[in-house]
Amino acid sequence: MYSIADNIKLILAELPKEVRLVAVSKYHPNDAIMEAYQAGQRIFGESKVQEMTAKYNSLPKDIEWHFIGHLQSNKIKYMAPYVHLIHGIDSYKLLTEVNKCAAKENRTIKCLLQIHIAQEESKFGFSAEECKAMLSTNEWQTLQHIQICGLMGMATFTNDNEQINHEFYFLHQLFQEIKKAWFQNNDYFCELSMGMSDDYPLAISNGSTLVRVGSKIFGNRIY
């Protein structure tokens, strides 16, 4: 039985230096997060704003909190003072809400646009066409308190590695296309968040820069 610290060391040993580990700590208690923290982990991912805010208030302040869940606009204000990166922006309306809340905090919040790449209808995100149409209007450029730093996607939940690989490849190609069209001169458009506990090696081979790993670090969740 490996400890949380051992699990982190094993995963980090597999990651190229340009790929960062987001430890998915949702539903896990503070002492589990502290064990990861003491092993050197500083980036943690949560999917419930209330839970993340409680953890932010009670854990070390040099933790970088990433919001990786489906975001409701009425919850943004609670995390606007501290959230480091929002992975799942899936509409222009949500982007404007983040901008509004960030302005009140006098901050710029980093965001990723979530692209729907999976077969499951239940997953959220822009289609590739919707994302390009949204960027084409250039309205987003008037939002002074957000920074679009890249894309995020979740592959289909399947054992078919060929399909997963195809979905990650598609997202990487879209990332390059969008960077060239809208962010060519912006160094900050550099993040591709894809890959979870079961498929992150495939994600890394397709250019992922952020892998979101939970059960492989903390074991299965306690709901």
C-alpha atoms as a PDB file:
ATOM      1  CA  MET A   1       0.000   0.000   0.000  1.00  0.00           C
ATOM      2  CA  TYR A   2       1.622   3.225  -1.168  1.00  0.00           C
ATOM      3  CA  SER A   3       1.226   6.478   0.745  1.00  0.00           C
ATOM      4  CA  ILE A   4      -0.042   9.694  -0.856  1.00  0.00           C
ATOM      5  CA  ALA A   5       3.557  10.999  -0.883  1.00  0.00           C
ATOM      6  CA  ASP A   6       4.770   7.819  -2.633  1.00  0.00           C
ATOM      7  CA  ASN A   7       1.973   8.085  -5.221  1.00  0.00           C
ATOM      8  CA  ILE A   8       2.923  11.691  -6.002  1.00  0.00           C
ATOM      9  CA  LYS A   9       6.593  10.781  -6.400  1.00  0.00           C
ATOM     10  CA  LEU A  10       5.707   7.920  -8.778  1.00  0.00           C
ATOM     11  CA  ILE A  11       3.488  10.149 -10.941  1.00  0.00           C
ATOM     12  CA  LEU A  12       5.963  13.049 -11.000  1.00  0.00           C
ATOM     13  CA  ALA A  13       8.695  10.652 -12.131  1.00  0.00           C
ATOM     14  CA  GLU A  14       6.590   9.935 -15.249  1.00  0.00           C
ATOM     15  CA  LEU A  15       5.827  13.555 -16.131  1.00  0.00           C
ATOM     16  CA  PRO A  16       7.990  15.518 -18.571  1.00  0.00           C
ATOM     17  CA  LYS A  17       9.247  18.787 -17.068  1.00  0.00           C
ATOM     18  CA  GLU A  18       6.778  20.890 -19.098  1.00  0.00           C
ATOM     19  CA  VAL A  19       3.756  19.005 -17.674  1.00  0.00           C
ATOM     20  CA  ARG A  20       2.309  19.999 -14.293  1.00  0.00           C
ATOM     21  CA  LEU A  21       0.308  17.814 -11.947  1.00  0.00           C
ATOM     22  CA  VAL A  22      -3.075  18.998 -10.668  1.00  0.00           C
ATOM     23  CA  ALA A  23      -3.856  16.833  -7.629  1.00  0.00           C
ATOM     24  CA  VAL A  24      -7.629  16.379  -7.697  1.00  0.00           C
ATOM     25  CA  SER A  25      -8.492  16.707  -4.034  1.00  0.00           C
ATOM     26  CA  LYS A  26     -12.294  16.996  -4.260  1.00  0.00           C
ATOM     27  CA  TYR A  27     -14.106  15.014  -1.524  1.00  0.00           C
ATOM     28  CA  HIS A  28     -10.768  14.371   0.228  1.00  0.00           C
ATOM     29  CA  PRO A  29     -10.099  15.788   3.710  1.00  0.00           C
ATOM     30  CA  ASN A  30      -7.551  18.439   4.638  1.00  0.00           C
ATOM     31  CA  ASP A  31      -5.149  15.936   6.196  1.00  0.00           C
ATOM     32  CA  ALA A  32      -4.898  14.060   2.866  1.00  0.00           C
ATOM     33  CA  ILE A  33      -4.207  17.368   1.089  1.00  0.00           C
ATOM     34  CA  MET A  34      -1.566  18.228   3.714  1.00  0.00           C
ATOM     35  CA  GLU A  35       0.153  14.892   3.134  1.00  0.00           C
ATOM     36  CA  ALA A  36       0.398  15.769  -0.577  1.00  0.00           C
ATOM     37  CA  TYR A  37       1.476  19.311   0.320  1.00  0.00           C
ATOM     38  CA  GLN A  38       4.277  17.999   2.535  1.00  0.00           C
ATOM     39  CA  ALA A  39       5.437  15.874  -0.406  1.00  0.00           C
ATOM     40  CA  GLY A  40       5.868  19.122  -2.374  1.00  0.00           C
ATOM     41  CA  GLN A  41       2.543  19.274  -4.244  1.00  0.00           C
ATOM     42  CA  ARG A  42       1.184  22.816  -4.588  1.00  0.00           C
ATOM     43  CA  ILE A  43      -1.535  22.619  -7.280  1.00  0.00           C
ATOM     44  CA  PHE A  44      -4.894  21.181  -6.212  1.00  0.00           C
ATOM     45  CA  GLY A  45      -8.111  20.792  -8.194  1.00  0.00           C
ATOM     46  CA  GLU A  46     -11.634  21.043  -6.783  1.00  0.00           C
ATOM     47  CA  SER A  47     -15.078  20.823  -8.396  1.00  0.00           C
ATOM     48  CA  LYS A  48     -17.344  22.333  -5.716  1.00  0.00           C
ATOM     49  CA  VAL A  49     -16.872  26.044  -4.960  1.00  0.00           C
ATOM     50  CA  GLN A  50     -18.058  25.763  -1.345  1.00  0.00           C
ATOM     51  CA  GLU A  51     -15.692  22.876  -0.590  1.00  0.00           C
ATOM     52  CA  MET A  52     -12.768  24.598  -2.307  1.00  0.00           C
ATOM     53  CA  THR A  53     -13.379  27.870  -0.416  1.00  0.00           C
ATOM     54  CA  ALA A  54     -13.474  26.055   2.936  1.00  0.00           C
ATOM     55  CA  LYS A  55     -10.161  24.376   2.072  1.00  0.00           C
ATOM     56  CA  TYR A  56      -8.654  27.656   0.867  1.00  0.00           C
ATOM     57  CA  ASN A  57      -9.565  29.276   4.195  1.00  0.00           C
ATOM     58  CA  SER A  58      -8.010  26.532   6.317  1.00  0.00           C
ATOM     59  CA  LEU A  59      -4.952  25.372   4.327  1.00  0.00           C
ATOM     60  CA  PRO A  60      -1.577  27.010   3.469  1.00  0.00           C
ATOM     61  CA  LYS A  61      -1.874  30.125   1.327  1.00  0.00           C
ATOM     62  CA  ASP A  62       0.785  29.120  -1.205  1.00  0.00           C
ATOM     63  CA  ILE A  63      -1.548  26.439  -2.591  1.00  0.00           C
ATOM     64  CA  GLU A  64      -2.639  27.142  -6.173  1.00  0.00           C
ATOM     65  CA  TRP A  65      -6.362  26.294  -6.378  1.00  0.00           C
ATOM     66  CA  HIS A  66      -7.708  25.155  -9.748  1.00  0.00           C
ATOM     67  CA  PHE A  67     -11.463  24.882 -10.290  1.00  0.00           C
ATOM     68  CA  ILE A  68     -12.056  21.837 -12.499  1.00  0.00           C
ATOM     69  CA  GLY A  69     -15.806  21.245 -12.194  1.00  0.00           C
ATOM     70  CA  HIS A  70     -18.865  22.529 -14.022  1.00  0.00           C
ATOM     71  CA  LEU A  71     -19.160  26.137 -12.910  1.00  0.00           C
ATOM     72  CA  GLN A  72     -22.427  27.870 -12.022  1.00  0.00           C
ATOM     73  CA  SER A  73     -22.291  31.639 -12.495  1.00  0.00           C
ATOM     74  CA  ASN A  74     -23.845  32.389  -9.086  1.00  0.00           C
ATOM     75  CA  LYS A  75     -20.883  30.679  -7.338  1.00  0.00           C
ATOM     76  CA  ILE A  76     -18.068  32.598  -9.051  1.00  0.00           C
ATOM     77  CA  LYS A  77     -18.041  35.455  -6.518  1.00  0.00           C
ATOM     78  CA  TYR A  78     -17.048  33.080  -3.694  1.00  0.00           C
ATOM     79  CA  MET A  79     -13.831  31.946  -5.375  1.00  0.00           C
ATOM     80  CA  ALA A  80     -12.999  35.157  -7.271  1.00  0.00           C
ATOM     81  CA  PRO A  81     -10.694  36.441  -4.466  1.00  0.00           C
ATOM     82  CA  TYR A  82      -8.308  33.483  -4.701  1.00  0.00           C
ATOM     83  CA  VAL A  83      -8.862  30.969  -7.548  1.00  0.00           C
ATOM     84  CA  HIS A  84      -5.738  30.557  -9.692  1.00  0.00           C
ATOM     85  CA  LEU A  85      -7.190  28.894 -12.814  1.00  0.00           C
ATOM     86  CA  ILE A  86     -10.704  27.949 -13.939  1.00  0.00           C
ATOM     87  CA  HIS A  87     -10.508  24.926 -16.249  1.00  0.00           C
ATOM     88  CA  GLY A  88     -14.094  24.660 -17.406  1.00  0.00           C
ATOM     89  CA  ILE A  89     -15.374  27.831 -19.105  1.00  0.00           C
ATOM     90  CA  ASP A  90     -18.075  26.536 -21.441  1.00  0.00           C
ATOM     91  CA  SER A  91     -19.929  29.690 -22.523  1.00  0.00           C
ATOM     92  CA  TYR A  92     -19.259  33.348 -23.290  1.00  0.00           C
ATOM     93  CA  LYS A  93     -21.810  34.284 -20.606  1.00  0.00           C
ATOM     94  CA  LEU A  94     -19.711  32.481 -17.994  1.00  0.00           C
ATOM     95  CA  LEU A  95     -16.596  34.304 -19.166  1.00  0.00           C
ATOM     96  CA  THR A  96     -18.339  37.676 -18.690  1.00  0.00           C
ATOM     97  CA  GLU A  97     -19.460  36.640 -15.183  1.00  0.00           C
ATOM     98  CA  VAL A  98     -15.908  35.659 -14.208  1.00  0.00           C
ATOM     99  CA  ASN A  99     -14.693  38.983 -15.587  1.00  0.00           C
ATOM    100  CA  LYS A 100     -17.293  40.897 -13.540  1.00  0.00           C
ATOM    101  CA  CYS A 101     -16.423  39.095 -10.281  1.00  0.00           C
ATOM    102  CA  ALA A 102     -12.674  39.411 -10.913  1.00  0.00           C
ATOM    103  CA  ALA A 103     -13.078  43.174 -11.504  1.00  0.00           C
ATOM    104  CA  LYS A 104     -14.713  43.548  -8.081  1.00  0.00           C
ATOM    105  CA  GLU A 105     -11.659  41.856  -6.536  1.00  0.00           C
ATOM    106  CA  ASN A 106      -9.274  43.913  -8.696  1.00  0.00           C
ATOM    107  CA  ARG A 107      -7.807  40.683 -10.080  1.00  0.00           C
ATOM    108  CA  THR A 108      -7.276  38.999 -13.431  1.00  0.00           C
ATOM    109  CA  ILE A 109      -8.455  35.391 -13.383  1.00  0.00           C
ATOM    110  CA  LYS A 110      -6.886  32.835 -15.694  1.00  0.00           C
ATOM    111  CA  CYS A 111      -9.370  30.693 -17.628  1.00  0.00           C
ATOM    112  CA  LEU A 112      -9.365  27.704 -19.971  1.00  0.00           C
ATOM    113  CA  LEU A 113     -12.085  27.171 -22.564  1.00  0.00           C
ATOM    114  CA  GLN A 114     -13.639  23.734 -22.189  1.00  0.00           C
ATOM    115  CA  ILE A 115     -14.118  21.840 -25.447  1.00  0.00           C
ATOM    116  CA  HIS A 116     -16.555  18.939 -25.726  1.00  0.00           C
ATOM    117  CA  ILE A 117     -14.450  16.131 -27.226  1.00  0.00           C
ATOM    118  CA  ALA A 118     -16.115  13.048 -25.691  1.00  0.00           C
ATOM    119  CA  GLN A 119     -18.895  10.827 -27.040  1.00  0.00           C
ATOM    120  CA  GLU A 120     -20.971  11.274 -23.865  1.00  0.00           C
ATOM    121  CA  GLU A 121     -23.636  13.954 -24.096  1.00  0.00           C
ATOM    122  CA  SER A 122     -23.396  14.477 -20.314  1.00  0.00           C
ATOM    123  CA  LYS A 123     -20.025  16.213 -20.574  1.00  0.00           C
ATOM    124  CA  PHE A 124     -19.924  19.992 -20.966  1.00  0.00           C
ATOM    125  CA  GLY A 125     -18.056  22.307 -23.294  1.00  0.00           C
ATOM    126  CA  PHE A 126     -18.039  24.306 -26.507  1.00  0.00           C
ATOM    127  CA  SER A 127     -17.951  22.415 -29.769  1.00  0.00           C
ATOM    128  CA  ALA A 128     -14.868  23.338 -31.815  1.00  0.00           C
ATOM    129  CA  GLU A 129     -17.119  25.435 -34.106  1.00  0.00           C
ATOM    130  CA  GLU A 130     -18.823  27.233 -31.198  1.00  0.00           C
ATOM    131  CA  CYS A 131     -15.459  28.070 -29.651  1.00  0.00           C
ATOM    132  CA  LYS A 132     -14.068  29.496 -32.887  1.00  0.00           C
ATOM    133  CA  ALA A 133     -17.286  31.460 -33.489  1.00  0.00           C
ATOM    134  CA  MET A 134     -17.076  32.939 -29.979  1.00  0.00           C
ATOM    135  CA  LEU A 135     -13.437  33.967 -30.476  1.00  0.00           C
ATOM    136  CA  SER A 136     -14.215  35.376 -33.950  1.00  0.00           C
ATOM    137  CA  THR A 137     -16.529  38.040 -32.539  1.00  0.00           C
ATOM    138  CA  ASN A 138     -13.551  39.469 -30.595  1.00  0.00           C
ATOM    139  CA  GLU A 139     -15.968  40.600 -27.843  1.00  0.00           C
ATOM    140  CA  TRP A 140     -13.919  38.615 -25.337  1.00  0.00           C
ATOM    141  CA  GLN A 141     -11.050  41.041 -25.901  1.00  0.00           C
ATOM    142  CA  THR A 142     -13.027  43.742 -24.059  1.00  0.00           C
ATOM    143  CA  LEU A 143     -12.943  41.657 -20.864  1.00  0.00           C
ATOM    144  CA  GLN A 144     -10.076  43.193 -18.923  1.00  0.00           C
ATOM    145  CA  HIS A 145     -10.130  40.899 -15.879  1.00  0.00           C
ATOM    146  CA  ILE A 146      -9.848  37.461 -17.473  1.00  0.00           C
ATOM    147  CA  GLN A 147      -6.987  35.856 -19.345  1.00  0.00           C
ATOM    148  CA  ILE A 148      -7.729  32.962 -21.711  1.00  0.00           C
ATOM    149  CA  CYS A 149      -4.713  30.700 -21.200  1.00  0.00           C
ATOM    150  CA  GLY A 150      -5.658  27.633 -23.238  1.00  0.00           C
ATOM    151  CA  LEU A 151      -8.103  24.773 -23.630  1.00  0.00           C
ATOM    152  CA  MET A 152      -9.432  21.911 -21.504  1.00  0.00           C
ATOM    153  CA  GLY A 153     -11.138  18.674 -22.483  1.00  0.00           C
ATOM    154  CA  MET A 154     -12.284  15.347 -21.064  1.00  0.00           C
ATOM    155  CA  ALA A 155     -12.034  12.204 -23.156  1.00  0.00           C
ATOM    156  CA  THR A 156     -14.794   9.612 -23.369  1.00  0.00           C
ATOM    157  CA  PHE A 157     -14.930   7.226 -20.393  1.00  0.00           C
ATOM    158  CA  THR A 158     -13.944   4.077 -22.268  1.00  0.00           C
ATOM    159  CA  ASN A 159     -11.267   1.368 -22.406  1.00  0.00           C
ATOM    160  CA  ASP A 160     -10.756   2.110 -26.103  1.00  0.00           C
ATOM    161  CA  ASN A 161      -7.348   3.791 -26.077  1.00  0.00           C
ATOM    162  CA  GLU A 162      -7.562   4.478 -29.804  1.00  0.00           C
ATOM    163  CA  GLN A 163     -10.679   6.581 -29.315  1.00  0.00           C
ATOM    164  CA  ILE A 164      -9.184   8.433 -26.320  1.00  0.00           C
ATOM    165  CA  ASN A 165      -6.020   9.095 -28.307  1.00  0.00           C
ATOM    166  CA  HIS A 166      -8.069  10.393 -31.237  1.00  0.00           C
ATOM    167  CA  GLU A 167      -9.984  12.806 -28.951  1.00  0.00           C
ATOM    168  CA  PHE A 168      -6.811  14.153 -27.335  1.00  0.00           C
ATOM    169  CA  TYR A 169      -5.160  14.521 -30.758  1.00  0.00           C
ATOM    170  CA  PHE A 170      -8.199  16.481 -31.986  1.00  0.00           C
ATOM    171  CA  LEU A 171      -7.994  18.852 -28.977  1.00  0.00           C
ATOM    172  CA  HIS A 172      -4.283  19.427 -29.497  1.00  0.00           C
ATOM    173  CA  GLN A 173      -4.851  20.270 -33.169  1.00  0.00           C
ATOM    174  CA  LEU A 174      -7.645  22.684 -32.190  1.00  0.00           C
ATOM    175  CA  PHE A 175      -5.352  24.285 -29.574  1.00  0.00           C
ATOM    176  CA  GLN A 176      -2.713  24.929 -32.247  1.00  0.00           C
ATOM    177  CA  GLU A 177      -5.286  26.289 -34.684  1.00  0.00           C
ATOM    178  CA  ILE A 178      -6.750  28.676 -32.085  1.00  0.00           C
ATOM    179  CA  LYS A 179      -3.327  29.812 -30.904  1.00  0.00           C
ATOM    180  CA  LYS A 180      -2.301  30.635 -34.456  1.00  0.00           C
ATOM    181  CA  ALA A 181      -5.542  32.498 -35.239  1.00  0.00           C
ATOM    182  CA  TRP A 182      -6.106  34.490 -32.034  1.00  0.00           C
ATOM    183  CA  PHE A 183      -3.172  34.194 -29.617  1.00  0.00           C
ATOM    184  CA  GLN A 184      -0.098  34.035 -31.822  1.00  0.00           C
ATOM    185  CA  ASN A 185       1.709  36.820 -29.963  1.00  0.00           C
ATOM    186  CA  ASN A 186       0.498  35.840 -26.482  1.00  0.00           C
ATOM    187  CA  ASP A 187       2.868  33.716 -24.439  1.00  0.00           C
ATOM    188  CA  TYR A 188       0.169  33.059 -21.845  1.00  0.00           C
ATOM    189  CA  PHE A 189      -2.007  30.999 -24.236  1.00  0.00           C
ATOM    190  CA  CYS A 190       0.029  27.886 -23.498  1.00  0.00           C
ATOM    191  CA  GLU A 191      -2.076  25.497 -21.398  1.00  0.00           C
ATOM    192  CA  LEU A 192      -3.761  22.302 -22.539  1.00  0.00           C
ATOM    193  CA  SER A 193      -5.545  20.627 -19.640  1.00  0.00           C
ATOM    194  CA  MET A 194      -6.310  17.024 -20.525  1.00  0.00           C
ATOM    195  CA  GLY A 195      -5.707  13.638 -18.987  1.00  0.00           C
ATOM    196  CA  MET A 196      -6.913  12.064 -15.744  1.00  0.00           C
ATOM    197  CA  SER A 197      -5.836   9.092 -13.602  1.00  0.00           C
ATOM    198  CA  ASP A 198      -6.613   6.479 -16.283  1.00  0.00           C
ATOM    199  CA  ASP A 199      -5.525   8.267 -19.442  1.00  0.00           C
ATOM    200  CA  TYR A 200      -2.913  10.919 -18.627  1.00  0.00           C
ATOM    201  CA  PRO A 201      -0.015   9.134 -20.439  1.00  0.00           C
ATOM    202  CA  LEU A 202      -2.055   9.376 -23.678  1.00  0.00           C
ATOM    203  CA  ALA A 203      -2.828  13.028 -22.927  1.00  0.00           C
ATOM    204  CA  ILE A 204       0.856  13.824 -22.388  1.00  0.00           C
ATOM    205  CA  SER A 205       1.786  12.207 -25.708  1.00  0.00           C
ATOM    206  CA  ASN A 206      -0.734  14.592 -27.324  1.00  0.00           C
ATOM    207  CA  GLY A 207       0.686  17.771 -25.793  1.00  0.00           C
ATOM    208  CA  SER A 208      -1.092  18.122 -22.449  1.00  0.00           C
ATOM    209  CA  THR A 209       0.525  20.619 -20.065  1.00  0.00           C
ATOM    210  CA  LEU A 210      -1.782  19.986 -17.069  1.00  0.00           C
ATOM    211  CA  VAL A 211      -2.902  16.512 -15.966  1.00  0.00           C
ATOM    212  CA  ARG A 212      -5.726  16.206 -13.425  1.00  0.00           C
ATOM    213  CA  VAL A 213      -5.043  13.161 -11.250  1.00  0.00           C
ATOM    214  CA  GLY A 214      -7.138  12.177  -8.226  1.00  0.00           C
ATOM    215  CA  SER A 215      -7.647   8.482  -7.438  1.00  0.00           C
ATOM    216  CA  LYS A 216      -4.059   7.584  -8.387  1.00  0.00           C
ATOM    217  CA  ILE A 217      -2.865   9.954  -5.657  1.00  0.00           C
ATOM    218  CA  PHE A 218      -5.526   9.827  -2.950  1.00  0.00           C
ATOM    219  CA  GLY A 219      -7.180   6.446  -3.599  1.00  0.00           C
ATOM    220  CA  ASN A 220     -10.885   6.188  -4.273  1.00  0.00           C
ATOM    221  CA  ARG A 221     -13.053   9.090  -3.120  1.00  0.00           C
ATOM    222  CA  ILE A 222     -15.039   9.140   0.068  1.00  0.00           C
ATOM    223  CA  TYR A 223     -18.370  10.744  -0.821  1.00  0.00           C
END
